[in-house]
Amino acid sequence: MAEGEPRQKLSPADSRMVALAFIRALGADVRLPAAADQPDAYSALVRAILSSIAVSASPDPRVSCTITVLPAVTNAYNTLHGGVVAAVAEAVGMACVRAAAGDKEMFLGELSTAYLAAARLDSEVDVEAKILRKGRSVVVTTIDFTLKDTKKLCYTSRATFYILPAASL
């Protein structure tokens, strides 16, 4: 097709074939290994890539750690999978909230992530979470992912955690 020419509209059957080819190229039609079919296997995988965890509680709560991009957590482009970035952001963000709010019942209400650059296979990424705002029932954290060797910011997340009120009996 020459530049400037209008695209031909695909038939529904052709559109379906294009979509299926894309999904197959990603490996989505391949069965998962048995180890991945266990309860909480994904969280175990995320915990396995975390190392060098440091927590500072007061006056400015922070949690920092390092993750290594292993083959098990990469996508088809051999870069850190976006779902792993979100899972690590949630885990490290919640650890930071626990350093600030203690062992109160809480849940993740919102998580947004900006994917700015890619962390390649075998690279190390420094992750740091800090409190952006702490209220009585809401804590907002920011989580930055930077490449260890170049200090380049790869991903940045903002997580909002809601603290459940204590039951009064």
N, C-alpha and C. Protein backbone atom coordinates (compact mmCIF):
# COMPACT_ATOMS: atom_id res chain seq x y z
N MET A 1 0.85 -1.17 0.00
CA MET A 1 0.00 0.00 0.00
C MET A 1 0.91 1.24 0.00
N ALA A 2 0.63 2.16 -0.90
CA ALA A 2 1.43 3.39 -1.00
C ALA A 2 0.97 4.39 0.06
N GLU A 3 1.89 5.27 0.43
CA GLU A 3 1.58 6.27 1.43
C GLU A 3 0.47 7.17 0.92
N GLY A 4 -0.47 7.48 1.79
CA GLY A 4 -1.56 8.37 1.42
C GLY A 4 -2.79 7.63 0.90
N GLU A 5 -2.64 6.37 0.53
CA GLU A 5 -3.79 5.60 0.06
C GLU A 5 -4.64 5.17 1.25
N PRO A 6 -5.94 5.18 1.10
CA PRO A 6 -6.80 4.73 2.21
C PRO A 6 -6.64 3.23 2.42
N ARG A 7 -6.73 2.82 3.68
CA ARG A 7 -6.64 1.39 4.00
C ARG A 7 -7.93 0.70 3.61
N GLN A 8 -7.77 -0.54 3.18
CA GLN A 8 -8.96 -1.33 2.89
C GLN A 8 -9.51 -1.87 4.20
N LYS A 9 -10.80 -1.86 4.31
CA LYS A 9 -11.42 -2.37 5.52
C LYS A 9 -11.41 -3.89 5.48
N LEU A 10 -10.96 -4.49 6.60
CA LEU A 10 -10.91 -5.94 6.69
C LEU A 10 -12.30 -6.49 6.98
N SER A 11 -12.55 -7.66 6.45
CA SER A 11 -13.81 -8.33 6.76
C SER A 11 -13.75 -8.81 8.21
N PRO A 12 -14.88 -9.09 8.82
CA PRO A 12 -14.85 -9.59 10.20
C PRO A 12 -14.02 -10.87 10.35
N ALA A 13 -14.08 -11.75 9.36
CA ALA A 13 -13.29 -12.99 9.42
C ALA A 13 -11.80 -12.68 9.36
N ASP A 14 -11.39 -11.75 8.50
CA ASP A 14 -9.98 -11.37 8.39
C ASP A 14 -9.51 -10.67 9.67
N SER A 15 -10.35 -9.82 10.24
CA SER A 15 -10.01 -9.14 11.49
C SER A 15 -9.78 -10.15 12.60
N ARG A 16 -10.63 -11.16 12.63
CA ARG A 16 -10.49 -12.22 13.64
C ARG A 16 -9.17 -12.95 13.47
N MET A 17 -8.79 -13.25 12.24
CA MET A 17 -7.54 -13.96 11.97
C MET A 17 -6.32 -13.11 12.38
N VAL A 18 -6.37 -11.81 12.12
CA VAL A 18 -5.28 -10.92 12.51
C VAL A 18 -5.14 -10.89 14.03
N ALA A 19 -6.27 -10.81 14.74
CA ALA A 19 -6.24 -10.80 16.20
C ALA A 19 -5.71 -12.11 16.75
N LEU A 20 -6.14 -13.23 16.20
CA LEU A 20 -5.65 -14.54 16.66
C LEU A 20 -4.16 -14.70 16.41
N ALA A 21 -3.68 -14.23 15.26
CA ALA A 21 -2.25 -14.31 14.95
C ALA A 21 -1.44 -13.49 15.96
N PHE A 22 -1.95 -12.33 16.33
CA PHE A 22 -1.28 -11.49 17.32
C PHE A 22 -1.21 -12.19 18.67
N ILE A 23 -2.32 -12.76 19.11
CA ILE A 23 -2.37 -13.45 20.40
C ILE A 23 -1.45 -14.66 20.40
N ARG A 24 -1.42 -15.42 19.31
CA ARG A 24 -0.53 -16.59 19.23
C ARG A 24 0.94 -16.15 19.25
N ALA A 25 1.26 -15.03 18.61
CA ALA A 25 2.64 -14.54 18.59
C ALA A 25 3.10 -14.18 20.00
N LEU A 26 2.18 -13.77 20.86
CA LEU A 26 2.51 -13.46 22.25
C LEU A 26 2.64 -14.71 23.12
N GLY A 27 2.22 -15.85 22.59
CA GLY A 27 2.30 -17.09 23.36
C GLY A 27 1.10 -17.29 24.26
N ALA A 28 0.02 -16.58 24.02
CA ALA A 28 -1.15 -16.65 24.89
C ALA A 28 -1.90 -17.97 24.75
N ASP A 29 -1.67 -18.73 23.69
CA ASP A 29 -2.37 -20.00 23.53
C ASP A 29 -1.56 -21.19 24.04
N VAL A 30 -0.43 -20.91 24.70
CA VAL A 30 0.42 -21.96 25.26
C VAL A 30 -0.03 -22.23 26.70
N ARG A 31 -0.12 -23.49 27.07
CA ARG A 31 -0.54 -23.84 28.43
C ARG A 31 0.52 -23.42 29.44
N LEU A 32 0.07 -22.97 30.59
CA LEU A 32 0.98 -22.58 31.66
C LEU A 32 1.60 -23.83 32.30
N PRO A 33 2.83 -23.71 32.80
CA PRO A 33 3.41 -24.85 33.50
C PRO A 33 2.63 -25.12 34.79
N ALA A 34 2.74 -26.35 35.29
CA ALA A 34 1.99 -26.75 36.49
C ALA A 34 2.32 -25.86 37.69
N ALA A 35 3.56 -25.39 37.80
CA ALA A 35 3.94 -24.54 38.93
C ALA A 35 3.17 -23.23 38.95
N ALA A 36 2.73 -22.76 37.80
CA ALA A 36 1.99 -21.50 37.73
C ALA A 36 0.52 -21.68 38.05
N ASP A 37 0.07 -22.93 38.16
CA ASP A 37 -1.33 -23.21 38.39
C ASP A 37 -1.61 -23.48 39.87
N GLN A 38 -0.84 -22.87 40.75
CA GLN A 38 -1.02 -23.05 42.18
C GLN A 38 -1.52 -21.75 42.78
N PRO A 39 -2.24 -21.83 43.90
CA PRO A 39 -2.73 -20.61 44.53
C PRO A 39 -1.58 -19.66 44.85
N ASP A 40 -1.75 -18.40 44.50
CA ASP A 40 -0.80 -17.34 44.80
C ASP A 40 0.57 -17.55 44.17
N ALA A 41 0.64 -18.27 43.05
CA ALA A 41 1.92 -18.52 42.37
C ALA A 41 2.52 -17.21 41.87
N TYR A 42 1.67 -16.28 41.46
CA TYR A 42 2.17 -15.02 40.93
C TYR A 42 2.87 -14.21 42.03
N SER A 43 2.28 -14.15 43.23
CA SER A 43 2.90 -13.42 44.33
C SER A 43 4.23 -14.06 44.73
N ALA A 44 4.30 -15.39 44.68
CA ALA A 44 5.55 -16.08 45.00
C ALA A 44 6.62 -15.71 43.98
N LEU A 45 6.21 -15.59 42.72
CA LEU A 45 7.15 -15.21 41.67
C LEU A 45 7.67 -13.79 41.90
N VAL A 46 6.79 -12.88 42.28
CA VAL A 46 7.19 -11.50 42.56
C VAL A 46 8.12 -11.45 43.76
N ARG A 47 7.79 -12.19 44.82
CA ARG A 47 8.67 -12.22 46.00
C ARG A 47 10.04 -12.77 45.66
N ALA A 48 10.11 -13.70 44.70
CA ALA A 48 11.38 -14.33 44.34
C ALA A 48 12.34 -13.35 43.65
N ILE A 49 11.83 -12.30 43.02
CA ILE A 49 12.72 -11.36 42.33
C ILE A 49 13.12 -10.18 43.19
N LEU A 50 12.51 -10.01 44.37
CA LEU A 50 12.84 -8.91 45.27
C LEU A 50 14.08 -9.24 46.10
N SER A 51 14.97 -8.27 46.26
CA SER A 51 16.13 -8.45 47.13
C SER A 51 16.55 -7.10 47.70
N SER A 52 17.48 -7.12 48.62
CA SER A 52 18.03 -5.91 49.25
C SER A 52 16.94 -4.98 49.75
N ILE A 53 16.03 -5.53 50.53
CA ILE A 53 14.90 -4.74 51.02
C ILE A 53 15.33 -3.93 52.24
N ALA A 54 15.05 -2.62 52.20
CA ALA A 54 15.35 -1.72 53.32
C ALA A 54 14.10 -0.91 53.65
N VAL A 55 13.81 -0.78 54.93
CA VAL A 55 12.63 -0.03 55.38
C VAL A 55 13.08 1.02 56.39
N SER A 56 12.65 2.26 56.16
CA SER A 56 12.85 3.31 57.17
C SER A 56 11.48 3.81 57.57
N ALA A 57 11.20 3.77 58.87
CA ALA A 57 9.84 4.04 59.34
C ALA A 57 9.56 5.51 59.61
N SER A 58 10.43 6.21 60.30
CA SER A 58 10.08 7.58 60.65
C SER A 58 11.29 8.47 60.48
N PRO A 59 11.13 9.73 60.30
CA PRO A 59 9.86 10.45 60.19
C PRO A 59 9.26 10.37 58.79
N ASP A 60 10.05 9.91 57.82
CA ASP A 60 9.62 9.86 56.43
C ASP A 60 9.66 8.40 55.95
N PRO A 61 8.53 7.66 56.09
CA PRO A 61 8.56 6.23 55.74
C PRO A 61 8.95 6.00 54.27
N ARG A 62 9.89 5.06 54.07
CA ARG A 62 10.34 4.67 52.73
C ARG A 62 10.63 3.18 52.74
N VAL A 63 10.40 2.56 51.60
CA VAL A 63 10.79 1.17 51.39
C VAL A 63 11.54 1.12 50.08
N SER A 64 12.72 0.52 50.11
CA SER A 64 13.48 0.38 48.87
C SER A 64 13.95 -1.06 48.74
N CYS A 65 14.07 -1.50 47.50
CA CYS A 65 14.53 -2.85 47.22
C CYS A 65 15.07 -2.88 45.79
N THR A 66 15.60 -4.02 45.44
CA THR A 66 16.12 -4.22 44.09
C THR A 66 15.41 -5.43 43.49
N ILE A 67 15.07 -5.34 42.22
CA ILE A 67 14.54 -6.51 41.52
C ILE A 67 15.47 -6.83 40.36
N THR A 68 15.60 -8.11 40.09
CA THR A 68 16.38 -8.58 38.96
C THR A 68 15.42 -9.10 37.91
N VAL A 69 15.57 -8.66 36.68
CA VAL A 69 14.68 -9.07 35.60
C VAL A 69 15.10 -10.46 35.12
N LEU A 70 14.38 -11.46 35.59
CA LEU A 70 14.63 -12.86 35.24
C LEU A 70 13.75 -13.27 34.07
N PRO A 71 14.10 -14.34 33.35
CA PRO A 71 13.27 -14.78 32.21
C PRO A 71 11.81 -15.04 32.57
N ALA A 72 11.55 -15.50 33.80
CA ALA A 72 10.18 -15.81 34.20
C ALA A 72 9.28 -14.60 34.29
N VAL A 73 9.84 -13.38 34.36
CA VAL A 73 9.03 -12.18 34.52
C VAL A 73 9.18 -11.22 33.33
N THR A 74 9.58 -11.76 32.19
CA THR A 74 9.71 -10.92 31.00
C THR A 74 8.56 -11.17 30.04
N ASN A 75 8.38 -10.24 29.14
CA ASN A 75 7.36 -10.37 28.10
C ASN A 75 8.01 -10.87 26.80
N ALA A 76 7.29 -10.81 25.71
CA ALA A 76 7.80 -11.30 24.42
C ALA A 76 8.97 -10.47 23.91
N TYR A 77 9.17 -9.29 24.45
CA TYR A 77 10.26 -8.41 24.02
C TYR A 77 11.49 -8.52 24.93
N ASN A 78 11.49 -9.50 25.85
CA ASN A 78 12.57 -9.69 26.82
C ASN A 78 12.78 -8.48 27.72
N THR A 79 11.69 -7.83 28.08
CA THR A 79 11.72 -6.73 29.04
C THR A 79 10.75 -7.08 30.18
N LEU A 80 10.90 -6.38 31.29
CA LEU A 80 10.06 -6.65 32.46
C LEU A 80 8.58 -6.52 32.09
N HIS A 81 7.82 -7.54 32.41
CA HIS A 81 6.39 -7.58 32.08
C HIS A 81 5.64 -6.49 32.85
N GLY A 82 4.73 -5.82 32.19
CA GLY A 82 3.97 -4.74 32.82
C GLY A 82 3.17 -5.18 34.03
N GLY A 83 2.65 -6.41 34.01
CA GLY A 83 1.92 -6.93 35.15
C GLY A 83 2.81 -7.11 36.37
N VAL A 84 4.07 -7.47 36.13
CA VAL A 84 5.02 -7.61 37.23
C VAL A 84 5.34 -6.25 37.82
N VAL A 85 5.46 -5.24 36.96
CA VAL A 85 5.70 -3.87 37.46
C VAL A 85 4.55 -3.48 38.39
N ALA A 86 3.32 -3.72 37.98
CA ALA A 86 2.16 -3.37 38.80
C ALA A 86 2.14 -4.17 40.10
N ALA A 87 2.45 -5.47 40.04
CA ALA A 87 2.44 -6.30 41.24
C ALA A 87 3.52 -5.87 42.23
N VAL A 88 4.71 -5.54 41.73
CA VAL A 88 5.79 -5.06 42.59
C VAL A 88 5.41 -3.71 43.19
N ALA A 89 4.82 -2.83 42.38
CA ALA A 89 4.40 -1.52 42.88
C ALA A 89 3.39 -1.68 44.01
N GLU A 90 2.44 -2.58 43.85
CA GLU A 90 1.45 -2.81 44.91
C GLU A 90 2.12 -3.34 46.17
N ALA A 91 2.99 -4.34 46.05
CA ALA A 91 3.62 -4.95 47.22
C ALA A 91 4.53 -3.97 47.95
N VAL A 92 5.36 -3.24 47.22
CA VAL A 92 6.30 -2.30 47.85
C VAL A 92 5.53 -1.10 48.40
N GLY A 93 4.50 -0.65 47.68
CA GLY A 93 3.67 0.44 48.18
C GLY A 93 2.96 0.08 49.47
N MET A 94 2.43 -1.15 49.53
CA MET A 94 1.74 -1.57 50.75
C MET A 94 2.73 -1.71 51.91
N ALA A 95 3.93 -2.18 51.64
CA ALA A 95 4.95 -2.25 52.70
C ALA A 95 5.25 -0.86 53.25
N CYS A 96 5.29 0.13 52.37
CA CYS A 96 5.54 1.50 52.79
C CYS A 96 4.38 2.02 53.65
N VAL A 97 3.17 1.70 53.25
CA VAL A 97 2.00 2.11 54.04
C VAL A 97 2.03 1.45 55.41
N ARG A 98 2.41 0.18 55.45
CA ARG A 98 2.50 -0.52 56.74
C ARG A 98 3.55 0.14 57.64
N ALA A 99 4.63 0.65 57.06
CA ALA A 99 5.65 1.34 57.86
C ALA A 99 5.09 2.62 58.44
N ALA A 100 4.11 3.23 57.75
CA ALA A 100 3.52 4.49 58.22
C ALA A 100 2.29 4.29 59.09
N ALA A 101 1.45 3.32 58.73
CA ALA A 101 0.15 3.17 59.39
C ALA A 101 0.07 1.96 60.30
N GLY A 102 1.10 1.15 60.34
CA GLY A 102 1.07 -0.02 61.20
C GLY A 102 0.32 -1.18 60.56
N ASP A 103 -0.21 -2.05 61.40
CA ASP A 103 -0.82 -3.29 60.94
C ASP A 103 -2.33 -3.18 60.79
N LYS A 104 -2.81 -2.03 60.37
CA LYS A 104 -4.25 -1.83 60.19
C LYS A 104 -4.73 -2.54 58.93
N GLU A 105 -6.03 -2.88 58.92
CA GLU A 105 -6.62 -3.49 57.73
C GLU A 105 -6.71 -2.43 56.64
N MET A 106 -6.27 -2.78 55.42
CA MET A 106 -6.30 -1.83 54.32
C MET A 106 -6.46 -2.57 53.01
N PHE A 107 -6.78 -1.81 51.97
CA PHE A 107 -6.86 -2.41 50.65
C PHE A 107 -6.42 -1.39 49.61
N LEU A 108 -5.97 -1.89 48.48
CA LEU A 108 -5.56 -1.04 47.37
C LEU A 108 -6.80 -0.54 46.66
N GLY A 109 -6.94 0.78 46.56
CA GLY A 109 -8.09 1.35 45.89
C GLY A 109 -7.80 1.76 44.46
N GLU A 110 -6.57 2.20 44.22
CA GLU A 110 -6.22 2.67 42.88
C GLU A 110 -4.72 2.51 42.68
N LEU A 111 -4.34 2.12 41.47
CA LEU A 111 -2.93 2.01 41.11
C LEU A 111 -2.79 2.50 39.68
N SER A 112 -1.94 3.50 39.49
CA SER A 112 -1.66 3.97 38.12
C SER A 112 -0.16 3.89 37.91
N THR A 113 0.22 3.49 36.71
CA THR A 113 1.63 3.31 36.40
C THR A 113 1.94 3.95 35.05
N ALA A 114 3.05 4.67 35.00
CA ALA A 114 3.56 5.22 33.75
C ALA A 114 4.75 4.36 33.34
N TYR A 115 4.68 3.78 32.16
CA TYR A 115 5.74 2.94 31.62
C TYR A 115 6.60 3.82 30.72
N LEU A 116 7.71 4.32 31.24
CA LEU A 116 8.52 5.32 30.56
C LEU A 116 9.64 4.72 29.72
N ALA A 117 10.23 3.63 30.18
CA ALA A 117 11.32 2.95 29.48
C ALA A 117 11.26 1.49 29.88
N ALA A 118 12.02 0.66 29.21
CA ALA A 118 11.97 -0.78 29.48
C ALA A 118 13.18 -1.23 30.28
N ALA A 119 12.93 -2.16 31.19
CA ALA A 119 14.01 -2.83 31.92
C ALA A 119 14.24 -4.16 31.22
N ARG A 120 15.40 -4.34 30.67
CA ARG A 120 15.72 -5.52 29.87
C ARG A 120 16.08 -6.73 30.73
N LEU A 121 16.04 -7.90 30.12
CA LEU A 121 16.39 -9.15 30.76
C LEU A 121 17.77 -9.04 31.42
N ASP A 122 17.90 -9.57 32.61
CA ASP A 122 19.13 -9.60 33.42
C ASP A 122 19.53 -8.24 33.99
N SER A 123 18.73 -7.20 33.80
CA SER A 123 19.08 -5.92 34.40
C SER A 123 18.57 -5.87 35.84
N GLU A 124 19.14 -4.98 36.62
CA GLU A 124 18.69 -4.78 38.00
C GLU A 124 17.99 -3.43 38.08
N VAL A 125 16.90 -3.40 38.82
CA VAL A 125 16.07 -2.21 38.93
C VAL A 125 15.91 -1.87 40.40
N ASP A 126 16.23 -0.64 40.77
CA ASP A 126 16.00 -0.16 42.13
C ASP A 126 14.56 0.34 42.23
N VAL A 127 13.88 -0.08 43.28
CA VAL A 127 12.48 0.31 43.50
C VAL A 127 12.42 1.05 44.83
N GLU A 128 11.81 2.24 44.82
CA GLU A 128 11.67 3.00 46.06
C GLU A 128 10.24 3.52 46.19
N ALA A 129 9.65 3.25 47.34
CA ALA A 129 8.30 3.73 47.64
C ALA A 129 8.38 4.73 48.78
N LYS A 130 7.59 5.79 48.66
CA LYS A 130 7.52 6.77 49.74
C LYS A 130 6.09 7.28 49.85
N ILE A 131 5.78 7.83 51.00
CA ILE A 131 4.44 8.35 51.26
C ILE A 131 4.30 9.72 50.62
N LEU A 132 3.26 9.87 49.83
CA LEU A 132 2.95 11.16 49.24
C LEU A 132 1.98 11.94 50.12
N ARG A 133 0.99 11.22 50.66
CA ARG A 133 0.01 11.83 51.56
C ARG A 133 -0.52 10.77 52.50
N LYS A 134 -0.63 11.14 53.78
CA LYS A 134 -1.18 10.21 54.77
C LYS A 134 -2.29 10.90 55.53
N GLY A 135 -3.46 10.31 55.45
CA GLY A 135 -4.60 10.79 56.21
C GLY A 135 -5.06 9.72 57.17
N ARG A 136 -6.20 9.94 57.78
CA ARG A 136 -6.72 8.97 58.74
C ARG A 136 -7.19 7.70 58.05
N SER A 137 -7.79 7.85 56.85
CA SER A 137 -8.34 6.67 56.17
C SER A 137 -7.75 6.44 54.78
N VAL A 138 -6.88 7.32 54.31
CA VAL A 138 -6.29 7.19 52.98
C VAL A 138 -4.79 7.46 53.06
N VAL A 139 -4.02 6.61 52.38
CA VAL A 139 -2.58 6.82 52.26
C VAL A 139 -2.22 6.69 50.78
N VAL A 140 -1.53 7.69 50.25
CA VAL A 140 -1.11 7.68 48.85
C VAL A 140 0.41 7.52 48.82
N THR A 141 0.86 6.58 48.02
CA THR A 141 2.30 6.34 47.88
C THR A 141 2.73 6.57 46.44
N THR A 142 4.00 6.85 46.26
CA THR A 142 4.59 6.92 44.94
C THR A 142 5.73 5.90 44.92
N ILE A 143 5.82 5.16 43.83
CA ILE A 143 6.81 4.10 43.70
C ILE A 143 7.59 4.33 42.40
N ASP A 144 8.91 4.50 42.52
CA ASP A 144 9.77 4.76 41.36
C ASP A 144 10.66 3.55 41.09
N PHE A 145 10.78 3.19 39.83
CA PHE A 145 11.63 2.10 39.37
C PHE A 145 12.74 2.72 38.52
N THR A 146 13.99 2.59 38.94
CA THR A 146 15.11 3.14 38.17
C THR A 146 16.12 2.04 37.88
N LEU A 147 16.71 2.10 36.69
CA LEU A 147 17.74 1.13 36.34
C LEU A 147 18.95 1.36 37.24
N LYS A 148 19.48 0.29 37.80
CA LYS A 148 20.57 0.40 38.76
C LYS A 148 21.84 0.96 38.11
N ASP A 149 22.15 0.54 36.89
CA ASP A 149 23.42 0.97 36.29
C ASP A 149 23.39 2.39 35.73
N THR A 150 22.26 2.82 35.16
CA THR A 150 22.21 4.15 34.53
C THR A 150 21.42 5.18 35.34
N LYS A 151 20.71 4.72 36.37
CA LYS A 151 19.84 5.59 37.19
C LYS A 151 18.68 6.19 36.38
N LYS A 152 18.37 5.59 35.24
CA LYS A 152 17.27 6.05 34.38
C LYS A 152 15.93 5.59 34.95
N LEU A 153 14.97 6.50 35.04
CA LEU A 153 13.63 6.18 35.53
C LEU A 153 12.90 5.36 34.47
N CYS A 154 12.49 4.14 34.83
CA CYS A 154 11.78 3.25 33.89
C CYS A 154 10.27 3.34 34.06
N TYR A 155 9.83 3.19 35.30
CA TYR A 155 8.41 3.16 35.60
C TYR A 155 8.18 3.99 36.85
N THR A 156 7.02 4.59 36.93
CA THR A 156 6.62 5.29 38.15
C THR A 156 5.15 5.00 38.40
N SER A 157 4.83 4.70 39.64
CA SER A 157 3.47 4.33 40.01
C SER A 157 2.99 5.20 41.16
N ARG A 158 1.69 5.34 41.22
CA ARG A 158 1.05 6.01 42.36
C ARG A 158 -0.05 5.08 42.83
N ALA A 159 -0.03 4.76 44.11
CA ALA A 159 -1.00 3.82 44.68
C ALA A 159 -1.75 4.49 45.82
N THR A 160 -3.06 4.31 45.83
CA THR A 160 -3.91 4.82 46.90
C THR A 160 -4.44 3.64 47.70
N PHE A 161 -4.14 3.65 48.99
CA PHE A 161 -4.60 2.60 49.89
C PHE A 161 -5.63 3.19 50.84
N TYR A 162 -6.70 2.43 51.07
CA TYR A 162 -7.75 2.85 51.99
C TYR A 162 -7.64 2.02 53.27
N ILE A 163 -7.63 2.70 54.39
CA ILE A 163 -7.54 2.04 55.69
C ILE A 163 -8.96 1.84 56.22
N LEU A 164 -9.27 0.61 56.57
CA LEU A 164 -10.61 0.30 57.06
C LEU A 164 -10.76 0.81 58.49
N PRO A 165 -11.93 1.34 58.83
CA PRO A 165 -12.13 1.81 60.21
C PRO A 165 -12.18 0.61 61.17
N ALA A 166 -11.70 0.83 62.37
CA ALA A 166 -11.74 -0.22 63.39
C ALA A 166 -13.18 -0.46 63.80
N ALA A 167 -13.52 -1.71 63.97
CA ALA A 167 -14.89 -2.06 64.38
C ALA A 167 -15.08 -1.67 65.84
N SER A 168 -16.22 -1.05 66.10
CA SER A 168 -16.54 -0.70 67.50
C SER A 168 -17.61 -1.68 67.99
N LEU A 169 -17.28 -2.36 69.04
CA LEU A 169 -18.22 -3.37 69.56
C LEU A 169 -18.90 -2.91 70.81
